[in-house]
């Protein structure tokens, strides 16, 4: 996906793969909604990691991009179905739609990058960038601890209900979503 140096691409691969791996751990949660969301986020993390591999290292065959579009198109339909119950699925819908968009853009560009010329950023790319930059900023603000609000998670317990596993830590799940949002911004900027 990247036409520049390989190091930033590998950092993006590592970030997305680590996030996907953590989401796999979250799938072991006893909370059903947590497991369901974690599965979609793991797919996004690993899909983004695979898509971010520098083109100088590995150029996928042309049939790869339509397969990506199909997989993430199916995930988008699942997110659309889930949005009836939970508004959080709208974010998953936009994320999977962005993956479909990037896969289709890669399929249309055999050189794996677009020449923008004087036309600037394409409208869809700009709208997706606007959404994900806003999401990253809002998610980052939500991770900042509020003074006086400490106590909801103390010593590995939640409200006195016992030990919290790594898969059920809401602040870590938010940090994962934040890192995937940052990665999505980086990928859209290099498109």
C-alpha atoms as a PDB file:
ATOM      1  CA  UNK A   1       0.000   0.000   0.000  1.00  0.00           C
ATOM      2  CA  UNK A   2       2.918   2.327   0.655  1.00  0.00           C
ATOM      3  CA  UNK A   3       5.044   3.768  -2.092  1.00  0.00           C
ATOM      4  CA  UNK A   4       7.609   5.292   0.314  1.00  0.00           C
ATOM      5  CA  UNK A   5      10.127   3.782   2.692  1.00  0.00           C
ATOM      6  CA  UNK A   6       9.366   0.387   4.176  1.00  0.00           C
ATOM      7  CA  UNK A   7       9.978   1.259   7.871  1.00  0.00           C
ATOM      8  CA  UNK A   8       6.726   3.204   8.458  1.00  0.00           C
ATOM      9  CA  UNK A   9       4.850   0.452   6.630  1.00  0.00           C
ATOM     10  CA  UNK A  10       6.303  -2.187   8.935  1.00  0.00           C
ATOM     11  CA  UNK A  11       5.405  -0.102  11.984  1.00  0.00           C
ATOM     12  CA  UNK A  12       1.842   0.080  10.715  1.00  0.00           C
ATOM     13  CA  UNK A  13       1.825  -3.687  10.120  1.00  0.00           C
ATOM     14  CA  UNK A  14       3.077  -4.289  13.674  1.00  0.00           C
ATOM     15  CA  UNK A  15       0.509  -1.923  15.209  1.00  0.00           C
ATOM     16  CA  UNK A  16      -2.403  -3.482  13.333  1.00  0.00           C
ATOM     17  CA  UNK A  17      -1.275  -7.065  13.943  1.00  0.00           C
ATOM     18  CA  UNK A  18      -0.798  -6.425  17.687  1.00  0.00           C
ATOM     19  CA  UNK A  19      -4.254  -4.865  17.844  1.00  0.00           C
ATOM     20  CA  UNK A  20      -5.747  -7.823  15.994  1.00  0.00           C
ATOM     21  CA  UNK A  21      -4.015 -10.225  18.376  1.00  0.00           C
ATOM     22  CA  UNK A  22      -5.387  -8.387  21.415  1.00  0.00           C
ATOM     23  CA  UNK A  23      -8.859  -8.492  19.893  1.00  0.00           C
ATOM     24  CA  UNK A  24      -8.498 -12.265  19.597  1.00  0.00           C
ATOM     25  CA  UNK A  25      -7.827 -12.336  23.352  1.00  0.00           C
ATOM     26  CA  UNK A  26     -10.952 -10.243  23.905  1.00  0.00           C
ATOM     27  CA  UNK A  27     -12.972 -12.922  22.107  1.00  0.00           C
ATOM     28  CA  UNK A  28     -12.510 -15.109  25.206  1.00  0.00           C
ATOM     29  CA  UNK A  29     -14.607 -12.693  27.281  1.00  0.00           C
ATOM     30  CA  UNK A  30     -17.665 -14.108  29.085  1.00  0.00           C
ATOM     31  CA  UNK A  31     -19.670 -11.097  27.811  1.00  0.00           C
ATOM     32  CA  UNK A  32     -21.308 -11.981  24.485  1.00  0.00           C
ATOM     33  CA  UNK A  33     -21.394  -8.441  23.059  1.00  0.00           C
ATOM     34  CA  UNK A  34     -17.714  -8.047  23.933  1.00  0.00           C
ATOM     35  CA  UNK A  35     -16.867 -11.251  22.019  1.00  0.00           C
ATOM     36  CA  UNK A  36     -18.929 -10.237  19.010  1.00  0.00           C
ATOM     37  CA  UNK A  37     -17.323  -6.784  18.751  1.00  0.00           C
ATOM     38  CA  UNK A  38     -13.850  -8.235  19.317  1.00  0.00           C
ATOM     39  CA  UNK A  39     -14.241 -10.635  16.382  1.00  0.00           C
ATOM     40  CA  UNK A  40     -14.988  -7.818  13.954  1.00  0.00           C
ATOM     41  CA  UNK A  41     -12.154  -5.737  15.347  1.00  0.00           C
ATOM     42  CA  UNK A  42      -9.713  -8.658  15.043  1.00  0.00           C
ATOM     43  CA  UNK A  43     -10.692  -9.023  11.378  1.00  0.00           C
ATOM     44  CA  UNK A  44     -10.077  -5.308  10.863  1.00  0.00           C
ATOM     45  CA  UNK A  45      -6.715  -5.399  12.660  1.00  0.00           C
ATOM     46  CA  UNK A  46      -5.353  -8.349  10.709  1.00  0.00           C
ATOM     47  CA  UNK A  47      -6.845  -7.095   7.436  1.00  0.00           C
ATOM     48  CA  UNK A  48      -5.243  -3.702   7.914  1.00  0.00           C
ATOM     49  CA  UNK A  49      -1.922  -5.347   8.817  1.00  0.00           C
ATOM     50  CA  UNK A  50      -1.975  -7.411   5.644  1.00  0.00           C
ATOM     51  CA  UNK A  51      -2.952  -4.419   3.527  1.00  0.00           C
ATOM     52  CA  UNK A  52      -0.174  -2.273   5.036  1.00  0.00           C
ATOM     53  CA  UNK A  53       2.698  -4.590   4.081  1.00  0.00           C
ATOM     54  CA  UNK A  54       5.024  -2.399   1.992  1.00  0.00           C
ATOM     55  CA  UNK A  55       4.668  -3.022  -1.742  1.00  0.00           C
ATOM     56  CA  UNK A  56       8.460  -3.083  -2.089  1.00  0.00           C
ATOM     57  CA  UNK A  57       8.500  -6.231   0.039  1.00  0.00           C
ATOM     58  CA  UNK A  58       5.443  -8.043  -1.244  1.00  0.00           C
ATOM     59  CA  UNK A  59       3.140  -7.206  -4.107  1.00  0.00           C
ATOM     60  CA  UNK A  60      -0.051  -9.237  -3.803  1.00  0.00           C
ATOM     61  CA  UNK A  61      -1.519 -10.799  -6.931  1.00  0.00           C
ATOM     62  CA  UNK A  62      -4.271  -8.782  -8.638  1.00  0.00           C
ATOM     63  CA  UNK A  63      -7.046 -11.121  -7.435  1.00  0.00           C
ATOM     64  CA  UNK A  64      -6.250 -10.233  -3.795  1.00  0.00           C
ATOM     65  CA  UNK A  65      -8.004  -6.860  -3.838  1.00  0.00           C
ATOM     66  CA  UNK A  66     -11.432  -8.120  -5.008  1.00  0.00           C
ATOM     67  CA  UNK A  67     -11.194 -10.836  -2.319  1.00  0.00           C
ATOM     68  CA  UNK A  68     -10.489  -8.137   0.281  1.00  0.00           C
ATOM     69  CA  UNK A  69     -13.455  -6.138  -1.001  1.00  0.00           C
ATOM     70  CA  UNK A  70     -15.691  -9.223  -0.738  1.00  0.00           C
ATOM     71  CA  UNK A  71     -14.580 -10.137   2.786  1.00  0.00           C
ATOM     72  CA  UNK A  72     -14.953  -6.612   4.108  1.00  0.00           C
ATOM     73  CA  UNK A  73     -18.173  -6.125   2.146  1.00  0.00           C
ATOM     74  CA  UNK A  74     -19.613  -9.114   4.019  1.00  0.00           C
ATOM     75  CA  UNK A  75     -18.314  -7.647   7.289  1.00  0.00           C
ATOM     76  CA  UNK A  76     -19.980  -4.334   6.378  1.00  0.00           C
ATOM     77  CA  UNK A  77     -23.313  -6.103   5.875  1.00  0.00           C
ATOM     78  CA  UNK A  78     -22.906  -7.788   9.263  1.00  0.00           C
ATOM     79  CA  UNK A  79     -22.116  -4.413  10.872  1.00  0.00           C
ATOM     80  CA  UNK A  80     -25.154  -2.875   9.175  1.00  0.00           C
ATOM     81  CA  UNK A  81     -27.317  -5.664  10.593  1.00  0.00           C
ATOM     82  CA  UNK A  82     -25.797  -5.161  14.056  1.00  0.00           C
ATOM     83  CA  UNK A  83     -26.362  -1.397  13.922  1.00  0.00           C
ATOM     84  CA  UNK A  84     -30.052  -2.049  14.521  1.00  0.00           C
ATOM     85  CA  UNK A  85     -29.197  -2.973  18.130  1.00  0.00           C
ATOM     86  CA  UNK A  86     -26.093  -0.954  18.944  1.00  0.00           C
ATOM     87  CA  UNK A  87     -24.945   2.377  17.474  1.00  0.00           C
ATOM     88  CA  UNK A  88     -21.302   1.282  17.972  1.00  0.00           C
ATOM     89  CA  UNK A  89     -21.773  -0.958  14.933  1.00  0.00           C
ATOM     90  CA  UNK A  90     -22.060   2.186  12.793  1.00  0.00           C
ATOM     91  CA  UNK A  91     -18.360   2.760  13.448  1.00  0.00           C
ATOM     92  CA  UNK A  92     -17.662  -0.842  12.383  1.00  0.00           C
ATOM     93  CA  UNK A  93     -19.750  -0.195   9.273  1.00  0.00           C
ATOM     94  CA  UNK A  94     -17.655   2.849   8.354  1.00  0.00           C
ATOM     95  CA  UNK A  95     -14.428   0.963   9.075  1.00  0.00           C
ATOM     96  CA  UNK A  96     -15.367  -1.986   6.891  1.00  0.00           C
ATOM     97  CA  UNK A  97     -16.656   0.359   4.182  1.00  0.00           C
ATOM     98  CA  UNK A  98     -13.288   2.151   4.268  1.00  0.00           C
ATOM     99  CA  UNK A  99     -11.531  -1.198   3.845  1.00  0.00           C
ATOM    100  CA  UNK A 100     -13.749  -2.026   0.840  1.00  0.00           C
ATOM    101  CA  UNK A 101     -13.018   1.410  -0.618  1.00  0.00           C
ATOM    102  CA  UNK A 102      -9.255   0.999  -0.178  1.00  0.00           C
ATOM    103  CA  UNK A 103      -9.327  -2.521  -1.650  1.00  0.00           C
ATOM    104  CA  UNK A 104     -11.238  -1.292  -4.701  1.00  0.00           C
ATOM    105  CA  UNK A 105      -8.826   1.632  -5.088  1.00  0.00           C
ATOM    106  CA  UNK A 106      -5.903  -0.786  -4.950  1.00  0.00           C
ATOM    107  CA  UNK A 107      -7.565  -3.052  -7.524  1.00  0.00           C
ATOM    108  CA  UNK A 108      -8.057  -0.087  -9.853  1.00  0.00           C
ATOM    109  CA  UNK A 109      -4.430   1.007  -9.498  1.00  0.00           C
ATOM    110  CA  UNK A 110      -1.937  -1.669 -10.557  1.00  0.00           C
ATOM    111  CA  UNK A 111       0.973   0.517  -9.421  1.00  0.00           C
ATOM    112  CA  UNK A 112      -0.520   0.495  -5.891  1.00  0.00           C
ATOM    113  CA  UNK A 113      -0.766   4.244  -5.584  1.00  0.00           C
ATOM    114  CA  UNK A 114      -2.853   6.995  -7.091  1.00  0.00           C
ATOM    115  CA  UNK A 115      -1.637  10.026  -8.920  1.00  0.00           C
ATOM    116  CA  UNK A 116      -3.660  12.894  -7.521  1.00  0.00           C
ATOM    117  CA  UNK A 117      -2.232  15.625  -9.739  1.00  0.00           C
ATOM    118  CA  UNK A 118      -4.087  18.912  -9.374  1.00  0.00           C
ATOM    119  CA  UNK A 119      -7.406  17.295  -8.447  1.00  0.00           C
ATOM    120  CA  UNK A 120      -6.455  16.894  -4.746  1.00  0.00           C
ATOM    121  CA  UNK A 121      -7.851  14.230  -2.440  1.00  0.00           C
ATOM    122  CA  UNK A 122     -10.836  12.289  -3.830  1.00  0.00           C
ATOM    123  CA  UNK A 123     -14.135  13.127  -2.112  1.00  0.00           C
ATOM    124  CA  UNK A 124     -14.687   9.687  -0.538  1.00  0.00           C
ATOM    125  CA  UNK A 125     -11.119   9.619   0.794  1.00  0.00           C
ATOM    126  CA  UNK A 126     -11.583  13.096   2.248  1.00  0.00           C
ATOM    127  CA  UNK A 127     -14.867  12.175   3.941  1.00  0.00           C
ATOM    128  CA  UNK A 128     -13.376   9.009   5.408  1.00  0.00           C
ATOM    129  CA  UNK A 129     -10.332  10.966   6.610  1.00  0.00           C
ATOM    130  CA  UNK A 130     -12.592  13.548   8.237  1.00  0.00           C
ATOM    131  CA  UNK A 131     -14.551  10.849  10.063  1.00  0.00           C
ATOM    132  CA  UNK A 132     -11.514   8.879  11.252  1.00  0.00           C
ATOM    133  CA  UNK A 133      -9.547  11.974  12.352  1.00  0.00           C
ATOM    134  CA  UNK A 134     -12.605  13.026  14.377  1.00  0.00           C
ATOM    135  CA  UNK A 135     -12.925   9.506  15.772  1.00  0.00           C
ATOM    136  CA  UNK A 136      -9.244   9.450  16.777  1.00  0.00           C
ATOM    137  CA  UNK A 137      -9.486  12.829  18.506  1.00  0.00           C
ATOM    138  CA  UNK A 138     -12.679  11.905  20.369  1.00  0.00           C
ATOM    139  CA  UNK A 139     -11.306   8.480  21.351  1.00  0.00           C
ATOM    140  CA  UNK A 140      -8.096  10.053  22.606  1.00  0.00           C
ATOM    141  CA  UNK A 141     -10.053  12.495  24.759  1.00  0.00           C
ATOM    142  CA  UNK A 142     -12.118   9.644  26.192  1.00  0.00           C
ATOM    143  CA  UNK A 143      -8.948   7.845  27.292  1.00  0.00           C
ATOM    144  CA  UNK A 144      -7.745  10.810  29.367  1.00  0.00           C
ATOM    145  CA  UNK A 145      -8.550  10.055  33.012  1.00  0.00           C
ATOM    146  CA  UNK A 146     -10.919  12.459  34.735  1.00  0.00           C
ATOM    147  CA  UNK A 147      -9.808  13.545  38.209  1.00  0.00           C
ATOM    148  CA  UNK A 148     -12.157  12.350  40.893  1.00  0.00           C
ATOM    149  CA  UNK A 149     -13.605   9.639  38.661  1.00  0.00           C
ATOM    150  CA  UNK A 150     -11.007   7.060  39.710  1.00  0.00           C
ATOM    151  CA  UNK A 151     -12.519   4.038  41.390  1.00  0.00           C
ATOM    152  CA  UNK A 152     -14.519   2.369  38.660  1.00  0.00           C
ATOM    153  CA  UNK A 153     -11.530   0.111  38.032  1.00  0.00           C
ATOM    154  CA  UNK A 154      -9.309  -0.288  41.092  1.00  0.00           C
ATOM    155  CA  UNK A 155      -6.792  -3.046  41.662  1.00  0.00           C
ATOM    156  CA  UNK A 156      -8.103  -5.197  38.822  1.00  0.00           C
ATOM    157  CA  UNK A 157     -11.705  -5.209  40.029  1.00  0.00           C
ATOM    158  CA  UNK A 158     -14.763  -3.589  38.542  1.00  0.00           C
ATOM    159  CA  UNK A 159     -17.220  -2.266  41.088  1.00  0.00           C
ATOM    160  CA  UNK A 160     -16.191  -4.975  43.567  1.00  0.00           C
ATOM    161  CA  UNK A 161     -17.285  -7.793  41.217  1.00  0.00           C
ATOM    162  CA  UNK A 162     -13.955  -9.591  41.184  1.00  0.00           C
ATOM    163  CA  UNK A 163     -10.942  -9.720  38.929  1.00  0.00           C
ATOM    164  CA  UNK A 164     -11.100  -8.301  35.420  1.00  0.00           C
ATOM    165  CA  UNK A 165      -9.336 -10.227  32.661  1.00  0.00           C
ATOM    166  CA  UNK A 166      -7.329  -8.479  29.956  1.00  0.00           C
ATOM    167  CA  UNK A 167     -10.121  -9.126  27.481  1.00  0.00           C
ATOM    168  CA  UNK A 168     -12.620  -7.207  29.610  1.00  0.00           C
ATOM    169  CA  UNK A 169     -10.612  -4.057  30.309  1.00  0.00           C
ATOM    170  CA  UNK A 170     -12.652  -1.264  28.666  1.00  0.00           C
ATOM    171  CA  UNK A 171      -9.757   1.206  28.634  1.00  0.00           C
ATOM    172  CA  UNK A 172      -7.522  -1.262  26.780  1.00  0.00           C
ATOM    173  CA  UNK A 173     -10.288  -2.021  24.272  1.00  0.00           C
ATOM    174  CA  UNK A 174     -10.691   1.754  23.701  1.00  0.00           C
ATOM    175  CA  UNK A 175      -6.919   2.099  23.240  1.00  0.00           C
ATOM    176  CA  UNK A 176      -7.052  -0.684  20.626  1.00  0.00           C
ATOM    177  CA  UNK A 177      -9.857   1.059  18.770  1.00  0.00           C
ATOM    178  CA  UNK A 178      -7.874   4.295  18.942  1.00  0.00           C
ATOM    179  CA  UNK A 179      -4.786   2.613  17.461  1.00  0.00           C
ATOM    180  CA  UNK A 180      -6.860   1.123  14.634  1.00  0.00           C
ATOM    181  CA  UNK A 181      -8.342   4.567  13.979  1.00  0.00           C
ATOM    182  CA  UNK A 182      -4.854   6.069  13.778  1.00  0.00           C
ATOM    183  CA  UNK A 183      -3.790   3.271  11.424  1.00  0.00           C
ATOM    184  CA  UNK A 184      -6.855   3.885   9.248  1.00  0.00           C
ATOM    185  CA  UNK A 185      -5.940   7.593   8.984  1.00  0.00           C
ATOM    186  CA  UNK A 186      -2.379   6.646   7.978  1.00  0.00           C
ATOM    187  CA  UNK A 187      -3.625   4.168   5.370  1.00  0.00           C
ATOM    188  CA  UNK A 188      -6.105   6.641   3.899  1.00  0.00           C
ATOM    189  CA  UNK A 189      -3.382   9.296   3.678  1.00  0.00           C
ATOM    190  CA  UNK A 190      -1.165   6.944   1.665  1.00  0.00           C
ATOM    191  CA  UNK A 191      -3.954   5.846  -0.673  1.00  0.00           C
END
